[in-house]
Amino acid sequence: MENNVSPAKSGIIYGVLFGVIMVLEFTVMYVIGMRSLVNTPFGTIVNIANYLILPILFIYIGCNGYKKNINNGFVTLGECLKIGVSITFIAAAIYAAFSVIFNFIFPEFVNEMVSITKDGMLKSNPNLTAAQMESGLAMMKKFMNPLIVFPVTLAMFSFIGLFYSLIVGVVLKNEKPQSL
């Protein structure tokens, strides 16, 4: 049977699902109260989920689904890379778009995050000078700019997807035998 679905297209649904999960996590954390969750086990669990567990899980499911359901039990390392990067890129695009829209709707969020960061900086290094503090906070504000947030999020999650896809691809790879 001829393969009519490209590897990248087969990962779209998993990328959308991953992106929606990250948006829901962010929303729940915002509703509960970010200040109370920063530097807590719950905040750490969310970060581990978003940057380790969920990407690997969705890439594995996407690659395995492509292998079993679309490509007759075969998948190459290259196909796994395409699937994994497309999944994480789509998830990052959804999450970054939500983040930009969220910051426009709730502009006080940026100030709240700056305040949380300032408190954390003072707690971890009470000897910071005012100039050092302002320099660090100014850099943080620059990275919260929507023109920076969007491409950096896409690049970061694409790299994560590339790295994890290599791992998943090595585990799942089963190339078609070459016919003579």
C-alpha atoms as a PDB file:
ATOM      1  CA  MET A   1       0.000   0.000   0.000  1.00  0.00           C
ATOM      2  CA  GLU A   2       1.321   3.428  -0.973  1.00  0.00           C
ATOM      3  CA  ASN A   3       2.048   5.891   1.826  1.00  0.00           C
ATOM      4  CA  ASN A   4      -0.036   9.037   1.155  1.00  0.00           C
ATOM      5  CA  VAL A   5       0.493  10.834   4.466  1.00  0.00           C
ATOM      6  CA  SER A   6       3.762  12.650   5.045  1.00  0.00           C
ATOM      7  CA  PRO A   7       5.464  12.118   8.401  1.00  0.00           C
ATOM      8  CA  ALA A   8       5.145  15.806   9.314  1.00  0.00           C
ATOM      9  CA  LYS A   9       1.415  15.859   8.577  1.00  0.00           C
ATOM     10  CA  SER A  10       0.846  12.740  10.653  1.00  0.00           C
ATOM     11  CA  GLY A  11       2.060  14.617  13.753  1.00  0.00           C
ATOM     12  CA  ILE A  12      -0.296  17.600  13.481  1.00  0.00           C
ATOM     13  CA  ILE A  13      -2.942  16.260  15.859  1.00  0.00           C
ATOM     14  CA  TYR A  14      -0.323  15.435  18.508  1.00  0.00           C
ATOM     15  CA  GLY A  15       1.210  18.881  18.179  1.00  0.00           C
ATOM     16  CA  VAL A  16      -2.178  20.531  18.633  1.00  0.00           C
ATOM     17  CA  LEU A  17      -2.936  18.352  21.646  1.00  0.00           C
ATOM     18  CA  PHE A  18       0.457  19.089  23.214  1.00  0.00           C
ATOM     19  CA  GLY A  19      -0.009  22.839  22.626  1.00  0.00           C
ATOM     20  CA  VAL A  20      -3.482  22.816  24.151  1.00  0.00           C
ATOM     21  CA  ILE A  21      -2.200  20.956  27.213  1.00  0.00           C
ATOM     22  CA  MET A  22       0.520  23.580  27.748  1.00  0.00           C
ATOM     23  CA  VAL A  23      -2.043  26.380  27.400  1.00  0.00           C
ATOM     24  CA  LEU A  24      -4.322  24.679  29.924  1.00  0.00           C
ATOM     25  CA  GLU A  25      -1.440  24.225  32.375  1.00  0.00           C
ATOM     26  CA  PHE A  26      -0.534  27.885  32.079  1.00  0.00           C
ATOM     27  CA  THR A  27      -4.151  28.946  32.529  1.00  0.00           C
ATOM     28  CA  VAL A  28      -4.594  26.779  35.617  1.00  0.00           C
ATOM     29  CA  MET A  29      -1.370  28.128  37.109  1.00  0.00           C
ATOM     30  CA  TYR A  30      -2.494  31.699  36.426  1.00  0.00           C
ATOM     31  CA  VAL A  31      -5.926  31.121  37.971  1.00  0.00           C
ATOM     32  CA  ILE A  32      -4.431  29.425  41.041  1.00  0.00           C
ATOM     33  CA  GLY A  33      -1.892  32.193  41.388  1.00  0.00           C
ATOM     34  CA  MET A  34       1.562  32.225  39.841  1.00  0.00           C
ATOM     35  CA  ARG A  35       3.234  33.796  42.861  1.00  0.00           C
ATOM     36  CA  SER A  36       2.229  30.896  45.076  1.00  0.00           C
ATOM     37  CA  LEU A  37       3.480  28.297  42.558  1.00  0.00           C
ATOM     38  CA  VAL A  38       6.898  29.685  41.623  1.00  0.00           C
ATOM     39  CA  ASN A  39       9.740  27.631  43.098  1.00  0.00           C
ATOM     40  CA  THR A  40       7.355  24.993  44.436  1.00  0.00           C
ATOM     41  CA  PRO A  41       7.205  21.277  43.631  1.00  0.00           C
ATOM     42  CA  PHE A  42       4.075  21.887  41.505  1.00  0.00           C
ATOM     43  CA  GLY A  43       5.877  24.504  39.386  1.00  0.00           C
ATOM     44  CA  THR A  44       8.825  22.157  38.982  1.00  0.00           C
ATOM     45  CA  ILE A  45       6.543  19.307  37.922  1.00  0.00           C
ATOM     46  CA  VAL A  46       4.889  21.510  35.280  1.00  0.00           C
ATOM     47  CA  ASN A  47       8.297  22.500  33.890  1.00  0.00           C
ATOM     48  CA  ILE A  48       9.498  18.892  33.808  1.00  0.00           C
ATOM     49  CA  ALA A  49       6.255  17.896  32.085  1.00  0.00           C
ATOM     50  CA  ASN A  50       6.493  20.653  29.449  1.00  0.00           C
ATOM     51  CA  TYR A  51      10.161  20.212  28.611  1.00  0.00           C
ATOM     52  CA  LEU A  52      10.765  16.503  29.162  1.00  0.00           C
ATOM     53  CA  ILE A  53       7.790  14.195  29.691  1.00  0.00           C
ATOM     54  CA  LEU A  54       5.181  15.604  27.285  1.00  0.00           C
ATOM     55  CA  PRO A  55       7.508  16.167  24.318  1.00  0.00           C
ATOM     56  CA  ILE A  56       8.938  12.657  24.587  1.00  0.00           C
ATOM     57  CA  LEU A  57       5.470  11.161  25.083  1.00  0.00           C
ATOM     58  CA  PHE A  58       3.876  12.929  22.109  1.00  0.00           C
ATOM     59  CA  ILE A  59       6.868  12.306  19.850  1.00  0.00           C
ATOM     60  CA  TYR A  60       6.841   8.618  20.775  1.00  0.00           C
ATOM     61  CA  ILE A  61       3.081   8.323  20.224  1.00  0.00           C
ATOM     62  CA  GLY A  62       3.318  10.226  16.935  1.00  0.00           C
ATOM     63  CA  CYS A  63       6.232   8.186  15.584  1.00  0.00           C
ATOM     64  CA  ASN A  64       4.791   4.883  16.755  1.00  0.00           C
ATOM     65  CA  GLY A  65       1.381   5.760  15.291  1.00  0.00           C
ATOM     66  CA  TYR A  66       2.977   6.636  11.963  1.00  0.00           C
ATOM     67  CA  LYS A  67       4.966   3.410  12.025  1.00  0.00           C
ATOM     68  CA  LYS A  68       2.033   1.126  12.891  1.00  0.00           C
ATOM     69  CA  ASN A  69      -0.972   2.831  11.287  1.00  0.00           C
ATOM     70  CA  ILE A  70       0.371   4.628   8.236  1.00  0.00           C
ATOM     71  CA  ASN A  71       3.661   3.094   7.141  1.00  0.00           C
ATOM     72  CA  ASN A  72       3.058  -0.651   7.507  1.00  0.00           C
ATOM     73  CA  GLY A  73       5.350  -1.156  10.502  1.00  0.00           C
ATOM     74  CA  PHE A  74       8.290   0.806   9.122  1.00  0.00           C
ATOM     75  CA  VAL A  75       9.760   4.145  10.157  1.00  0.00           C
ATOM     76  CA  THR A  76      13.136   5.708   9.486  1.00  0.00           C
ATOM     77  CA  LEU A  77      15.145   8.011  11.679  1.00  0.00           C
ATOM     78  CA  GLY A  78      14.468  10.836   9.212  1.00  0.00           C
ATOM     79  CA  GLU A  79      10.719  10.282   9.415  1.00  0.00           C
ATOM     80  CA  CYS A  80      10.904  10.344  13.223  1.00  0.00           C
ATOM     81  CA  LEU A  81      12.779  13.643  13.043  1.00  0.00           C
ATOM     82  CA  LYS A  82      10.094  15.129  10.782  1.00  0.00           C
ATOM     83  CA  ILE A  83       7.301  13.918  13.036  1.00  0.00           C
ATOM     84  CA  GLY A  84       8.955  15.048  16.279  1.00  0.00           C
ATOM     85  CA  VAL A  85       9.950  18.501  15.087  1.00  0.00           C
ATOM     86  CA  SER A  86       6.514  19.083  13.550  1.00  0.00           C
ATOM     87  CA  ILE A  87       4.809  18.061  16.811  1.00  0.00           C
ATOM     88  CA  THR A  88       6.921  20.354  18.976  1.00  0.00           C
ATOM     89  CA  PHE A  89       6.830  23.213  16.447  1.00  0.00           C
ATOM     90  CA  ILE A  90       3.026  23.151  16.275  1.00  0.00           C
ATOM     91  CA  ALA A  91       2.755  22.925  20.074  1.00  0.00           C
ATOM     92  CA  ALA A  92       5.179  25.834  20.451  1.00  0.00           C
ATOM     93  CA  ALA A  93       3.271  27.922  17.900  1.00  0.00           C
ATOM     94  CA  ILE A  94       0.023  27.397  19.808  1.00  0.00           C
ATOM     95  CA  TYR A  95       1.627  28.121  23.167  1.00  0.00           C
ATOM     96  CA  ALA A  96       3.550  31.182  21.911  1.00  0.00           C
ATOM     97  CA  ALA A  97       0.455  32.613  20.209  1.00  0.00           C
ATOM     98  CA  PHE A  98      -1.513  32.113  23.412  1.00  0.00           C
ATOM     99  CA  SER A  99       1.258  33.757  25.430  1.00  0.00           C
ATOM    100  CA  VAL A 100       1.321  36.828  23.167  1.00  0.00           C
ATOM    101  CA  ILE A 101      -2.479  37.166  23.223  1.00  0.00           C
ATOM    102  CA  PHE A 102      -2.546  36.596  26.986  1.00  0.00           C
ATOM    103  CA  ASN A 103      -0.011  39.370  27.572  1.00  0.00           C
ATOM    104  CA  PHE A 104      -2.112  41.769  25.485  1.00  0.00           C
ATOM    105  CA  ILE A 105      -5.286  40.890  27.373  1.00  0.00           C
ATOM    106  CA  PHE A 106      -3.612  40.891  30.808  1.00  0.00           C
ATOM    107  CA  PRO A 107      -0.755  43.416  30.648  1.00  0.00           C
ATOM    108  CA  GLU A 108      -0.400  43.299  34.439  1.00  0.00           C
ATOM    109  CA  PHE A 109       0.922  39.745  34.073  1.00  0.00           C
ATOM    110  CA  VAL A 110       4.316  41.025  32.891  1.00  0.00           C
ATOM    111  CA  ASN A 111       4.590  43.273  35.940  1.00  0.00           C
ATOM    112  CA  GLU A 112       3.615  40.369  38.206  1.00  0.00           C
ATOM    113  CA  MET A 113       6.312  38.167  36.665  1.00  0.00           C
ATOM    114  CA  VAL A 114       8.876  40.971  37.050  1.00  0.00           C
ATOM    115  CA  SER A 115       7.919  41.277  40.714  1.00  0.00           C
ATOM    116  CA  ILE A 116       8.221  37.514  41.261  1.00  0.00           C
ATOM    117  CA  THR A 117      11.605  37.504  39.533  1.00  0.00           C
ATOM    118  CA  LYS A 118      12.814  40.484  41.570  1.00  0.00           C
ATOM    119  CA  ASP A 119      11.813  38.742  44.818  1.00  0.00           C
ATOM    120  CA  GLY A 120      13.586  35.576  43.689  1.00  0.00           C
ATOM    121  CA  MET A 121      16.740  37.482  42.752  1.00  0.00           C
ATOM    122  CA  LEU A 122      16.840  39.198  46.119  1.00  0.00           C
ATOM    123  CA  LYS A 123      16.217  35.940  47.956  1.00  0.00           C
ATOM    124  CA  SER A 124      18.955  34.043  46.114  1.00  0.00           C
ATOM    125  CA  ASN A 125      21.482  36.901  46.174  1.00  0.00           C
ATOM    126  CA  PRO A 126      20.754  39.599  48.765  1.00  0.00           C
ATOM    127  CA  ASN A 127      23.981  41.458  47.864  1.00  0.00           C
ATOM    128  CA  LEU A 128      22.774  42.495  44.396  1.00  0.00           C
ATOM    129  CA  THR A 129      23.237  46.166  43.649  1.00  0.00           C
ATOM    130  CA  ALA A 130      20.370  48.229  42.285  1.00  0.00           C
ATOM    131  CA  ALA A 131      22.161  48.480  38.926  1.00  0.00           C
ATOM    132  CA  GLN A 132      22.558  44.706  38.685  1.00  0.00           C
ATOM    133  CA  MET A 133      18.922  44.215  39.636  1.00  0.00           C
ATOM    134  CA  GLU A 134      17.677  46.689  37.030  1.00  0.00           C
ATOM    135  CA  SER A 135      19.941  45.181  34.374  1.00  0.00           C
ATOM    136  CA  GLY A 136      18.585  41.694  35.022  1.00  0.00           C
ATOM    137  CA  LEU A 137      14.971  42.860  35.082  1.00  0.00           C
ATOM    138  CA  ALA A 138      15.447  44.911  31.896  1.00  0.00           C
ATOM    139  CA  MET A 139      16.774  41.802  30.136  1.00  0.00           C
ATOM    140  CA  MET A 140      13.789  39.802  31.379  1.00  0.00           C
ATOM    141  CA  LYS A 141      11.360  42.442  30.083  1.00  0.00           C
ATOM    142  CA  LYS A 142      13.053  42.340  26.675  1.00  0.00           C
ATOM    143  CA  PHE A 143      12.532  38.584  26.504  1.00  0.00           C
ATOM    144  CA  MET A 144       8.847  39.000  27.375  1.00  0.00           C
ATOM    145  CA  ASN A 145       8.385  41.159  24.269  1.00  0.00           C
ATOM    146  CA  PRO A 146       6.015  39.362  21.846  1.00  0.00           C
ATOM    147  CA  LEU A 147       8.449  39.884  18.962  1.00  0.00           C
ATOM    148  CA  ILE A 148      11.040  37.923  20.936  1.00  0.00           C
ATOM    149  CA  VAL A 149       8.789  35.429  22.762  1.00  0.00           C
ATOM    150  CA  PHE A 150       7.267  33.955  19.624  1.00  0.00           C
ATOM    151  CA  PRO A 151      10.432  33.088  17.644  1.00  0.00           C
ATOM    152  CA  VAL A 152      12.427  32.055  20.717  1.00  0.00           C
ATOM    153  CA  THR A 153       9.646  29.671  21.821  1.00  0.00           C
ATOM    154  CA  LEU A 154       9.458  28.169  18.323  1.00  0.00           C
ATOM    155  CA  ALA A 155      13.229  27.727  18.123  1.00  0.00           C
ATOM    156  CA  MET A 156      13.541  26.307  21.626  1.00  0.00           C
ATOM    157  CA  PHE A 157      10.774  23.713  21.243  1.00  0.00           C
ATOM    158  CA  SER A 158      11.957  22.795  17.732  1.00  0.00           C
ATOM    159  CA  PHE A 159      15.410  22.064  19.134  1.00  0.00           C
ATOM    160  CA  ILE A 160      13.852  20.049  21.965  1.00  0.00           C
ATOM    161  CA  GLY A 161      11.804  18.167  19.365  1.00  0.00           C
ATOM    162  CA  LEU A 162      14.901  17.487  17.268  1.00  0.00           C
ATOM    163  CA  PHE A 163      16.833  16.139  20.240  1.00  0.00           C
ATOM    164  CA  TYR A 164      14.036  13.922  21.561  1.00  0.00           C
ATOM    165  CA  SER A 165      13.140  12.737  18.049  1.00  0.00           C
ATOM    166  CA  LEU A 166      16.668  11.457  17.628  1.00  0.00           C
ATOM    167  CA  ILE A 167      16.276   9.382  20.781  1.00  0.00           C
ATOM    168  CA  VAL A 168      12.807   8.116  19.880  1.00  0.00           C
ATOM    169  CA  GLY A 169      13.885   7.496  16.283  1.00  0.00           C
ATOM    170  CA  VAL A 170      16.802   5.319  17.354  1.00  0.00           C
ATOM    171  CA  VAL A 171      14.463   3.283  19.570  1.00  0.00           C
ATOM    172  CA  LEU A 172      11.620   2.891  17.042  1.00  0.00           C
ATOM    173  CA  LYS A 173      13.444   2.801  13.720  1.00  0.00           C
ATOM    174  CA  ASN A 174      12.565  -0.100  11.481  1.00  0.00           C
ATOM    175  CA  GLU A 175      13.510   0.594   7.902  1.00  0.00           C
ATOM    176  CA  LYS A 176      11.978  -1.203   4.929  1.00  0.00           C
ATOM    177  CA  PRO A 177      14.271  -3.857   3.527  1.00  0.00           C
ATOM    178  CA  GLN A 178      15.652  -2.930   0.121  1.00  0.00           C
ATOM    179  CA  SER A 179      14.328  -5.196  -2.624  1.00  0.00           C
ATOM    180  CA  LEU A 180      16.839  -6.304  -5.222  1.00  0.00           C
END
